[in-house]
Amino acid sequence: MSSKKTILVVDDEQNIRALFAEEFKDDGYEVVATDSGEEALNILANQKIDLITLDIKMPKMDGIEFLTKVREKFRDLPIIICTAYDTYRQEFSVWNADGYILKSGDLTEIKEKIKRLIG
């Protein structure tokens, strides 16, 4: 039985998924990554996830729609929005997230947030 916490990375950019996966694994987490909200919902239905990092701008289902769907089923699952766009910060629907971080090459902020949320 693994005591590692599992992070689900939902982002349509391959390089972001790869970077987050590598960095979070280095910090001792299991990582599952997908490029779509639909696939992420399937993963959530079949696997225990401890935290989600979520992009907003994605094809088909965007991050805000995904966040709303997840909150209906998993009230307490920590979700960190990680986006290149600051413009969504004021949208009421993103207030359901546990964090709002602007993407950058420096992952210090998101790593600290993850540590605070799930240890």
N, C-alpha and C. Protein backbone atom coordinates (compact mmCIF):
# COMPACT_ATOMS: atom_id res chain seq x y z
N MET A 1 0.85 -1.20 0.00
CA MET A 1 0.00 0.00 0.00
C MET A 1 0.89 1.25 0.00
N SER A 2 0.76 2.04 -1.02
CA SER A 2 1.58 3.23 -1.15
C SER A 2 0.95 4.37 -0.35
N SER A 3 1.78 5.08 0.38
CA SER A 3 1.27 6.22 1.13
C SER A 3 1.53 7.52 0.37
N LYS A 4 2.04 7.38 -0.85
CA LYS A 4 2.30 8.57 -1.66
C LYS A 4 0.98 9.23 -2.03
N LYS A 5 0.97 10.54 -2.01
CA LYS A 5 -0.19 11.30 -2.46
C LYS A 5 -0.15 11.38 -3.98
N THR A 6 -1.33 11.39 -4.59
CA THR A 6 -1.42 11.42 -6.06
C THR A 6 -1.97 12.75 -6.53
N ILE A 7 -1.25 13.35 -7.46
CA ILE A 7 -1.65 14.62 -8.07
C ILE A 7 -2.11 14.36 -9.50
N LEU A 8 -3.27 14.89 -9.84
CA LEU A 8 -3.77 14.82 -11.21
C LEU A 8 -3.49 16.16 -11.89
N VAL A 9 -2.69 16.11 -12.96
CA VAL A 9 -2.35 17.31 -13.72
C VAL A 9 -3.25 17.34 -14.96
N VAL A 10 -4.07 18.39 -15.07
CA VAL A 10 -4.98 18.54 -16.20
C VAL A 10 -4.56 19.78 -16.98
N ASP A 11 -3.93 19.56 -18.14
CA ASP A 11 -3.42 20.67 -18.94
C ASP A 11 -3.28 20.20 -20.38
N ASP A 12 -3.70 21.01 -21.33
CA ASP A 12 -3.63 20.59 -22.74
C ASP A 12 -2.24 20.79 -23.34
N GLU A 13 -1.32 21.40 -22.59
CA GLU A 13 0.05 21.59 -23.10
C GLU A 13 0.94 20.45 -22.63
N GLN A 14 1.45 19.69 -23.58
CA GLN A 14 2.31 18.54 -23.29
C GLN A 14 3.51 18.92 -22.44
N ASN A 15 4.16 20.04 -22.76
CA ASN A 15 5.37 20.42 -22.02
C ASN A 15 5.07 20.76 -20.57
N ILE A 16 3.92 21.34 -20.30
CA ILE A 16 3.52 21.63 -18.92
C ILE A 16 3.25 20.33 -18.17
N ARG A 17 2.52 19.40 -18.82
CA ARG A 17 2.25 18.11 -18.17
C ARG A 17 3.57 17.41 -17.83
N ALA A 18 4.51 17.41 -18.77
CA ALA A 18 5.79 16.73 -18.55
C ALA A 18 6.59 17.41 -17.43
N LEU A 19 6.64 18.74 -17.44
CA LEU A 19 7.37 19.49 -16.42
C LEU A 19 6.77 19.24 -15.03
N PHE A 20 5.45 19.38 -14.91
CA PHE A 20 4.79 19.18 -13.62
C PHE A 20 5.01 17.74 -13.14
N ALA A 21 4.85 16.77 -14.04
CA ALA A 21 5.01 15.36 -13.66
C ALA A 21 6.40 15.12 -13.10
N GLU A 22 7.41 15.61 -13.80
CA GLU A 22 8.79 15.41 -13.37
C GLU A 22 9.06 16.08 -12.02
N GLU A 23 8.64 17.33 -11.91
CA GLU A 23 8.89 18.09 -10.68
C GLU A 23 8.14 17.51 -9.48
N PHE A 24 6.87 17.15 -9.67
CA PHE A 24 6.08 16.64 -8.55
C PHE A 24 6.57 15.24 -8.14
N LYS A 25 7.00 14.43 -9.11
CA LYS A 25 7.55 13.11 -8.79
C LYS A 25 8.84 13.28 -7.98
N ASP A 26 9.66 14.26 -8.37
CA ASP A 26 10.89 14.55 -7.61
C ASP A 26 10.57 14.92 -6.16
N ASP A 27 9.39 15.50 -5.95
CA ASP A 27 8.97 15.88 -4.59
C ASP A 27 8.28 14.73 -3.85
N GLY A 28 8.22 13.55 -4.49
CA GLY A 28 7.68 12.38 -3.82
C GLY A 28 6.22 12.06 -4.06
N TYR A 29 5.61 12.73 -5.02
CA TYR A 29 4.20 12.47 -5.32
C TYR A 29 4.07 11.51 -6.50
N GLU A 30 2.95 10.78 -6.52
CA GLU A 30 2.55 10.06 -7.72
C GLU A 30 1.90 11.10 -8.62
N VAL A 31 2.04 10.95 -9.94
CA VAL A 31 1.44 11.93 -10.85
C VAL A 31 0.70 11.21 -11.96
N VAL A 32 -0.54 11.65 -12.19
CA VAL A 32 -1.33 11.21 -13.33
C VAL A 32 -1.60 12.48 -14.13
N ALA A 33 -1.40 12.41 -15.45
CA ALA A 33 -1.57 13.62 -16.27
C ALA A 33 -2.48 13.34 -17.45
N THR A 34 -3.28 14.34 -17.80
CA THR A 34 -4.17 14.22 -18.95
C THR A 34 -4.34 15.59 -19.60
N ASP A 35 -4.73 15.57 -20.87
CA ASP A 35 -4.88 16.83 -21.60
C ASP A 35 -6.34 17.26 -21.73
N SER A 36 -7.28 16.54 -21.07
CA SER A 36 -8.69 16.94 -21.24
C SER A 36 -9.49 16.76 -19.95
N GLY A 37 -10.47 17.62 -19.80
CA GLY A 37 -11.36 17.54 -18.65
C GLY A 37 -12.16 16.25 -18.64
N GLU A 38 -12.58 15.79 -19.83
CA GLU A 38 -13.36 14.56 -19.92
C GLU A 38 -12.56 13.38 -19.38
N GLU A 39 -11.32 13.27 -19.84
CA GLU A 39 -10.46 12.18 -19.38
C GLU A 39 -10.19 12.31 -17.88
N ALA A 40 -10.00 13.53 -17.40
CA ALA A 40 -9.76 13.76 -15.97
C ALA A 40 -10.95 13.28 -15.14
N LEU A 41 -12.16 13.50 -15.61
CA LEU A 41 -13.35 13.02 -14.89
C LEU A 41 -13.36 11.50 -14.82
N ASN A 42 -12.94 10.83 -15.91
CA ASN A 42 -12.83 9.37 -15.90
C ASN A 42 -11.81 8.90 -14.87
N ILE A 43 -10.68 9.58 -14.82
CA ILE A 43 -9.62 9.23 -13.87
C ILE A 43 -10.16 9.38 -12.44
N LEU A 44 -10.85 10.49 -12.17
CA LEU A 44 -11.40 10.73 -10.83
C LEU A 44 -12.40 9.65 -10.43
N ALA A 45 -13.13 9.13 -11.40
CA ALA A 45 -14.14 8.10 -11.11
C ALA A 45 -13.50 6.76 -10.76
N ASN A 46 -12.25 6.56 -11.19
CA ASN A 46 -11.63 5.24 -11.06
C ASN A 46 -10.39 5.19 -10.17
N GLN A 47 -9.95 6.32 -9.65
CA GLN A 47 -8.67 6.35 -8.95
C GLN A 47 -8.73 7.39 -7.83
N LYS A 48 -8.04 7.12 -6.72
CA LYS A 48 -7.99 8.10 -5.64
C LYS A 48 -6.98 9.19 -6.01
N ILE A 49 -7.47 10.41 -6.04
CA ILE A 49 -6.64 11.57 -6.34
C ILE A 49 -6.65 12.47 -5.11
N ASP A 50 -5.47 12.98 -4.76
CA ASP A 50 -5.37 13.82 -3.56
C ASP A 50 -5.41 15.32 -3.87
N LEU A 51 -5.03 15.68 -5.11
CA LEU A 51 -5.01 17.09 -5.49
C LEU A 51 -5.01 17.18 -7.01
N ILE A 52 -5.60 18.26 -7.54
CA ILE A 52 -5.63 18.50 -8.99
C ILE A 52 -4.97 19.83 -9.28
N THR A 53 -4.09 19.85 -10.30
CA THR A 53 -3.67 21.13 -10.87
C THR A 53 -4.41 21.24 -12.20
N LEU A 54 -4.95 22.42 -12.45
CA LEU A 54 -5.91 22.57 -13.54
C LEU A 54 -5.64 23.81 -14.38
N ASP A 55 -5.54 23.60 -15.68
CA ASP A 55 -5.44 24.71 -16.63
C ASP A 55 -6.87 25.19 -16.91
N ILE A 56 -7.03 26.43 -17.31
CA ILE A 56 -8.37 26.93 -17.64
C ILE A 56 -8.66 26.78 -19.13
N LYS A 57 -7.76 27.28 -19.97
CA LYS A 57 -8.00 27.26 -21.41
C LYS A 57 -7.64 25.89 -22.00
N MET A 58 -8.68 25.08 -22.24
CA MET A 58 -8.48 23.76 -22.85
C MET A 58 -9.59 23.54 -23.86
N PRO A 59 -9.33 22.72 -24.89
CA PRO A 59 -10.38 22.45 -25.87
C PRO A 59 -11.53 21.66 -25.24
N LYS A 60 -12.67 21.69 -25.87
CA LYS A 60 -13.89 21.01 -25.42
C LYS A 60 -14.31 21.54 -24.05
N MET A 61 -13.95 20.85 -22.97
CA MET A 61 -14.33 21.29 -21.63
C MET A 61 -13.23 22.15 -21.04
N ASP A 62 -13.54 23.43 -20.74
CA ASP A 62 -12.49 24.27 -20.15
C ASP A 62 -12.38 24.00 -18.65
N GLY A 63 -11.37 24.57 -18.05
CA GLY A 63 -11.09 24.32 -16.65
C GLY A 63 -12.20 24.74 -15.70
N ILE A 64 -12.89 25.83 -16.04
CA ILE A 64 -13.96 26.32 -15.17
C ILE A 64 -15.14 25.33 -15.16
N GLU A 65 -15.48 24.82 -16.33
CA GLU A 65 -16.55 23.82 -16.42
C GLU A 65 -16.14 22.55 -15.66
N PHE A 66 -14.88 22.13 -15.83
CA PHE A 66 -14.37 20.95 -15.13
C PHE A 66 -14.42 21.16 -13.61
N LEU A 67 -13.96 22.32 -13.16
CA LEU A 67 -13.97 22.65 -11.74
C LEU A 67 -15.38 22.53 -11.16
N THR A 68 -16.36 23.06 -11.89
CA THR A 68 -17.75 23.01 -11.44
C THR A 68 -18.23 21.56 -11.31
N LYS A 69 -17.91 20.73 -12.31
CA LYS A 69 -18.31 19.32 -12.28
C LYS A 69 -17.64 18.57 -11.12
N VAL A 70 -16.37 18.84 -10.90
CA VAL A 70 -15.64 18.16 -9.81
C VAL A 70 -16.22 18.57 -8.46
N ARG A 71 -16.50 19.85 -8.28
CA ARG A 71 -17.03 20.33 -7.00
C ARG A 71 -18.40 19.71 -6.67
N GLU A 72 -19.18 19.35 -7.70
CA GLU A 72 -20.47 18.70 -7.46
C GLU A 72 -20.28 17.34 -6.78
N LYS A 73 -19.20 16.63 -7.12
CA LYS A 73 -18.98 15.28 -6.59
C LYS A 73 -17.95 15.22 -5.48
N PHE A 74 -16.92 16.06 -5.57
CA PHE A 74 -15.80 16.00 -4.62
C PHE A 74 -15.62 17.38 -3.98
N ARG A 75 -16.41 17.64 -2.96
CA ARG A 75 -16.41 18.97 -2.33
C ARG A 75 -15.04 19.35 -1.78
N ASP A 76 -14.33 18.39 -1.21
CA ASP A 76 -13.12 18.71 -0.45
C ASP A 76 -11.81 18.40 -1.17
N LEU A 77 -11.89 18.00 -2.43
CA LEU A 77 -10.68 17.69 -3.18
C LEU A 77 -9.95 18.99 -3.53
N PRO A 78 -8.70 19.14 -3.07
CA PRO A 78 -7.98 20.38 -3.37
C PRO A 78 -7.71 20.55 -4.87
N ILE A 79 -8.02 21.73 -5.38
CA ILE A 79 -7.80 22.04 -6.80
C ILE A 79 -7.05 23.36 -6.89
N ILE A 80 -5.92 23.32 -7.62
CA ILE A 80 -5.15 24.54 -7.85
C ILE A 80 -5.25 24.88 -9.33
N ILE A 81 -5.80 26.04 -9.62
CA ILE A 81 -5.83 26.49 -11.01
C ILE A 81 -4.44 27.04 -11.34
N CYS A 82 -3.91 26.58 -12.45
CA CYS A 82 -2.59 27.02 -12.89
C CYS A 82 -2.72 27.41 -14.36
N THR A 83 -2.74 28.70 -14.60
CA THR A 83 -3.06 29.21 -15.92
C THR A 83 -2.11 30.33 -16.32
N ALA A 84 -2.04 30.58 -17.60
CA ALA A 84 -1.22 31.70 -18.09
C ALA A 84 -1.99 33.02 -18.04
N TYR A 85 -3.28 32.94 -17.69
CA TYR A 85 -4.16 34.12 -17.78
C TYR A 85 -4.60 34.61 -16.41
N ASP A 86 -4.31 35.85 -16.12
CA ASP A 86 -4.73 36.45 -14.85
C ASP A 86 -6.18 36.91 -14.90
N THR A 87 -6.74 37.00 -16.10
CA THR A 87 -8.06 37.59 -16.30
C THR A 87 -9.20 36.81 -15.63
N TYR A 88 -8.98 35.52 -15.37
CA TYR A 88 -10.06 34.72 -14.78
C TYR A 88 -10.13 34.84 -13.26
N ARG A 89 -9.13 35.45 -12.67
CA ARG A 89 -9.03 35.50 -11.21
C ARG A 89 -10.28 36.08 -10.56
N GLN A 90 -10.93 37.03 -11.23
CA GLN A 90 -12.10 37.70 -10.65
C GLN A 90 -13.41 36.94 -10.89
N GLU A 91 -13.36 35.89 -11.71
CA GLU A 91 -14.59 35.15 -12.00
C GLU A 91 -15.04 34.37 -10.78
N PHE A 92 -16.31 34.53 -10.47
CA PHE A 92 -16.87 33.88 -9.28
C PHE A 92 -16.62 32.38 -9.27
N SER A 93 -16.74 31.72 -10.41
CA SER A 93 -16.62 30.25 -10.45
C SER A 93 -15.23 29.75 -10.07
N VAL A 94 -14.19 30.53 -10.26
CA VAL A 94 -12.85 30.06 -9.90
C VAL A 94 -12.59 30.18 -8.40
N TRP A 95 -13.48 30.86 -7.68
CA TRP A 95 -13.31 30.98 -6.24
C TRP A 95 -13.48 29.62 -5.56
N ASN A 96 -14.05 28.65 -6.27
CA ASN A 96 -14.17 27.29 -5.76
C ASN A 96 -12.83 26.58 -5.67
N ALA A 97 -11.83 27.12 -6.33
CA ALA A 97 -10.51 26.49 -6.33
C ALA A 97 -9.77 26.85 -5.04
N ASP A 98 -8.79 26.03 -4.70
CA ASP A 98 -8.01 26.25 -3.49
C ASP A 98 -6.78 27.12 -3.75
N GLY A 99 -6.54 27.42 -5.02
CA GLY A 99 -5.42 28.28 -5.37
C GLY A 99 -5.53 28.72 -6.81
N TYR A 100 -4.93 29.87 -7.10
CA TYR A 100 -4.92 30.40 -8.47
C TYR A 100 -3.50 30.89 -8.70
N ILE A 101 -2.79 30.16 -9.54
CA ILE A 101 -1.37 30.45 -9.75
C ILE A 101 -1.11 30.70 -11.23
N LEU A 102 -0.35 31.74 -11.51
CA LEU A 102 0.02 32.02 -12.89
C LEU A 102 1.20 31.14 -13.28
N LYS A 103 1.10 30.52 -14.45
CA LYS A 103 2.17 29.65 -14.94
C LYS A 103 3.45 30.42 -15.11
N SER A 104 4.54 29.78 -14.70
CA SER A 104 5.86 30.34 -14.96
C SER A 104 6.85 29.18 -14.92
N GLY A 105 8.07 29.45 -15.30
CA GLY A 105 9.09 28.42 -15.25
C GLY A 105 9.49 28.09 -13.81
N ASP A 106 9.16 28.99 -12.90
CA ASP A 106 9.48 28.80 -11.49
C ASP A 106 8.28 28.15 -10.79
N LEU A 107 8.47 26.90 -10.34
CA LEU A 107 7.36 26.16 -9.74
C LEU A 107 7.32 26.28 -8.22
N THR A 108 8.10 27.19 -7.65
CA THR A 108 8.16 27.34 -6.21
C THR A 108 6.77 27.58 -5.61
N GLU A 109 6.01 28.51 -6.19
CA GLU A 109 4.71 28.88 -5.64
C GLU A 109 3.74 27.69 -5.64
N ILE A 110 3.65 26.99 -6.77
CA ILE A 110 2.71 25.86 -6.83
C ILE A 110 3.16 24.72 -5.91
N LYS A 111 4.46 24.48 -5.83
CA LYS A 111 4.95 23.42 -4.95
C LYS A 111 4.65 23.74 -3.49
N GLU A 112 4.81 25.00 -3.09
CA GLU A 112 4.51 25.40 -1.71
C GLU A 112 3.03 25.25 -1.43
N LYS A 113 2.20 25.60 -2.41
CA LYS A 113 0.75 25.48 -2.25
C LYS A 113 0.35 24.01 -2.09
N ILE A 114 0.94 23.14 -2.91
CA ILE A 114 0.65 21.70 -2.82
C ILE A 114 1.04 21.17 -1.45
N LYS A 115 2.22 21.57 -0.99
CA LYS A 115 2.70 21.11 0.31
C LYS A 115 1.75 21.55 1.42
N ARG A 116 1.26 22.78 1.33
CA ARG A 116 0.31 23.27 2.33
C ARG A 116 -1.01 22.50 2.29
N LEU A 117 -1.44 22.13 1.09
CA LEU A 117 -2.75 21.48 0.95
C LEU A 117 -2.74 20.00 1.27
N ILE A 118 -1.67 19.28 0.86
CA ILE A 118 -1.68 17.83 1.07
C ILE A 118 -0.43 17.28 1.73
N GLY A 119 0.50 18.14 2.09
CA GLY A 119 1.69 17.70 2.81
C GLY A 119 2.78 17.17 1.92
